[in-house]
C-alpha atoms as a PDB file:
ATOM      1  CA  MET A   1     -14.827  93.300  40.522  1.00  0.00           C
ATOM      2  CA  GLU A   2     -15.408  96.236  38.215  1.00  0.00           C
ATOM      3  CA  SER A   3     -16.241  99.519  39.932  1.00  0.00           C
ATOM      4  CA  TYR A   4     -17.800 102.588  38.312  1.00  0.00           C
ATOM      5  CA  ASN A   5     -18.437 106.024  39.776  1.00  0.00           C
ATOM      6  CA  ILE A   6     -21.834 107.343  38.706  1.00  0.00           C
ATOM      7  CA  LYS A   7     -22.145 111.106  39.097  1.00  0.00           C
ATOM      8  CA  ILE A   8     -25.631 112.458  39.735  1.00  0.00           C
ATOM      9  CA  LYS A   9     -26.774 116.069  39.881  1.00  0.00           C
ATOM     10  CA  THR A  10     -29.870 115.427  41.968  1.00  0.00           C
ATOM     11  CA  GLU A  11     -30.319 114.629  45.656  1.00  0.00           C
ATOM     12  CA  PHE A  12     -30.882 110.914  44.955  1.00  0.00           C
ATOM     13  CA  ILE A  13     -31.415 108.361  42.195  1.00  0.00           C
ATOM     14  CA  LYS A  14     -33.730 105.348  42.316  1.00  0.00           C
ATOM     15  CA  LEU A  15     -32.039 101.956  42.129  1.00  0.00           C
ATOM     16  CA  GLN A  16     -33.674 100.887  38.859  1.00  0.00           C
ATOM     17  CA  ASP A  17     -32.784 104.253  37.288  1.00  0.00           C
ATOM     18  CA  LEU A  18     -29.183 103.914  38.462  1.00  0.00           C
ATOM     19  CA  LEU A  19     -28.873 100.528  36.756  1.00  0.00           C
ATOM     20  CA  LYS A  20     -30.285 101.944  33.510  1.00  0.00           C
ATOM     21  CA  PHE A  21     -28.245 105.183  33.677  1.00  0.00           C
ATOM     22  CA  ALA A  22     -25.024 103.245  34.262  1.00  0.00           C
ATOM     23  CA  GLY A  23     -25.746 100.936  31.318  1.00  0.00           C
ATOM     24  CA  ALA A  24     -25.821  97.830  33.522  1.00  0.00           C
ATOM     25  CA  VAL A  25     -29.236  96.920  32.049  1.00  0.00           C
ATOM     26  CA  GLU A  26     -30.971  97.950  28.851  1.00  0.00           C
ATOM     27  CA  THR A  27     -34.521  98.437  30.083  1.00  0.00           C
ATOM     28  CA  GLY A  28     -36.459  99.076  33.252  1.00  0.00           C
ATOM     29  CA  GLY A  29     -37.939  95.594  32.841  1.00  0.00           C
ATOM     30  CA  ASP A  30     -34.458  94.065  32.976  1.00  0.00           C
ATOM     31  CA  ALA A  31     -33.693  96.104  36.100  1.00  0.00           C
ATOM     32  CA  LYS A  32     -36.938  94.948  37.722  1.00  0.00           C
ATOM     33  CA  ILE A  33     -36.096  91.296  37.106  1.00  0.00           C
ATOM     34  CA  ILE A  34     -32.556  91.301  38.487  1.00  0.00           C
ATOM     35  CA  ILE A  35     -33.608  93.368  41.505  1.00  0.00           C
ATOM     36  CA  GLN A  36     -36.535  91.042  42.307  1.00  0.00           C
ATOM     37  CA  GLU A  37     -34.281  87.992  41.905  1.00  0.00           C
ATOM     38  CA  GLY A  38     -32.093  89.350  44.720  1.00  0.00           C
ATOM     39  CA  ARG A  39     -29.045  89.803  42.509  1.00  0.00           C
ATOM     40  CA  VAL A  40     -28.485  93.419  43.576  1.00  0.00           C
ATOM     41  CA  THR A  41     -27.055  94.592  46.876  1.00  0.00           C
ATOM     42  CA  VAL A  42     -27.101  98.147  48.214  1.00  0.00           C
ATOM     43  CA  ASN A  43     -24.376  98.976  50.723  1.00  0.00           C
ATOM     44  CA  GLY A  44     -23.749  95.238  51.196  1.00  0.00           C
ATOM     45  CA  ALA A  45     -27.352  94.132  51.819  1.00  0.00           C
ATOM     46  CA  ILE A  46     -29.649  92.461  49.293  1.00  0.00           C
ATOM     47  CA  CYS A  47     -32.222  94.973  48.082  1.00  0.00           C
ATOM     48  CA  THR A  48     -35.439  94.007  46.301  1.00  0.00           C
ATOM     49  CA  MET A  49     -36.904  97.519  46.186  1.00  0.00           C
ATOM     50  CA  ARG A  50     -36.428  98.990  42.730  1.00  0.00           C
ATOM     51  CA  GLY A  51     -37.508 102.411  43.986  1.00  0.00           C
ATOM     52  CA  LYS A  52     -34.803 102.448  46.695  1.00  0.00           C
ATOM     53  CA  LYS A  53     -33.290 105.940  46.816  1.00  0.00           C
ATOM     54  CA  LEU A  54     -29.509 106.047  46.630  1.00  0.00           C
ATOM     55  CA  ARG A  55     -27.619 109.175  47.614  1.00  0.00           C
ATOM     56  CA  PRO A  56     -23.974 110.133  47.004  1.00  0.00           C
ATOM     57  CA  GLY A  57     -21.632 107.804  48.872  1.00  0.00           C
ATOM     58  CA  GLU A  58     -23.897 104.765  48.546  1.00  0.00           C
ATOM     59  CA  ARG A  59     -23.069 101.784  46.360  1.00  0.00           C
ATOM     60  CA  ALA A  60     -24.965  99.114  44.489  1.00  0.00           C
ATOM     61  CA  CYS A  61     -23.442  95.817  43.392  1.00  0.00           C
ATOM     62  CA  ILE A  62     -24.771  93.418  40.769  1.00  0.00           C
ATOM     63  CA  ASP A  63     -23.961  89.700  41.162  1.00  0.00           C
ATOM     64  CA  ASN A  64     -20.855  90.645  43.193  1.00  0.00           C
ATOM     65  CA  GLU A  65     -19.230  91.536  39.846  1.00  0.00           C
ATOM     66  CA  THR A  66     -20.119  95.132  39.023  1.00  0.00           C
ATOM     67  CA  GLU A  67     -20.122  97.890  41.622  1.00  0.00           C
ATOM     68  CA  LEU A  68     -21.806 101.239  40.991  1.00  0.00           C
ATOM     69  CA  VAL A  69     -20.793 104.040  43.370  1.00  0.00           C
ATOM     70  CA  VAL A  70     -23.026 107.105  43.466  1.00  0.00           C
ATOM     71  CA  VAL A  71     -21.001 110.315  43.618  1.00  0.00           C
END
C-alpha cells in the first residue's frame, strides 16, 4: 500500500478536497463518485460523506491501495 503524508495549514480539510489536493482524483466529480461507491475509508471505516472533515492525524484510504495521512 502506498502512503502519502498530506500537510495542511488549516484546521481541517474536507474529504473530497483532500482527494483532489493529493492528486488521487482529477476532479471533484471523480471524488464524488468513488466516495459514493464506498471505495474510500476514513480511519478504517467506509465513509460516503464527501464533506467529511479530516484533521491532522486522520487518514483516508482509497481501495485499500493508497493511504493519505493528514499532517
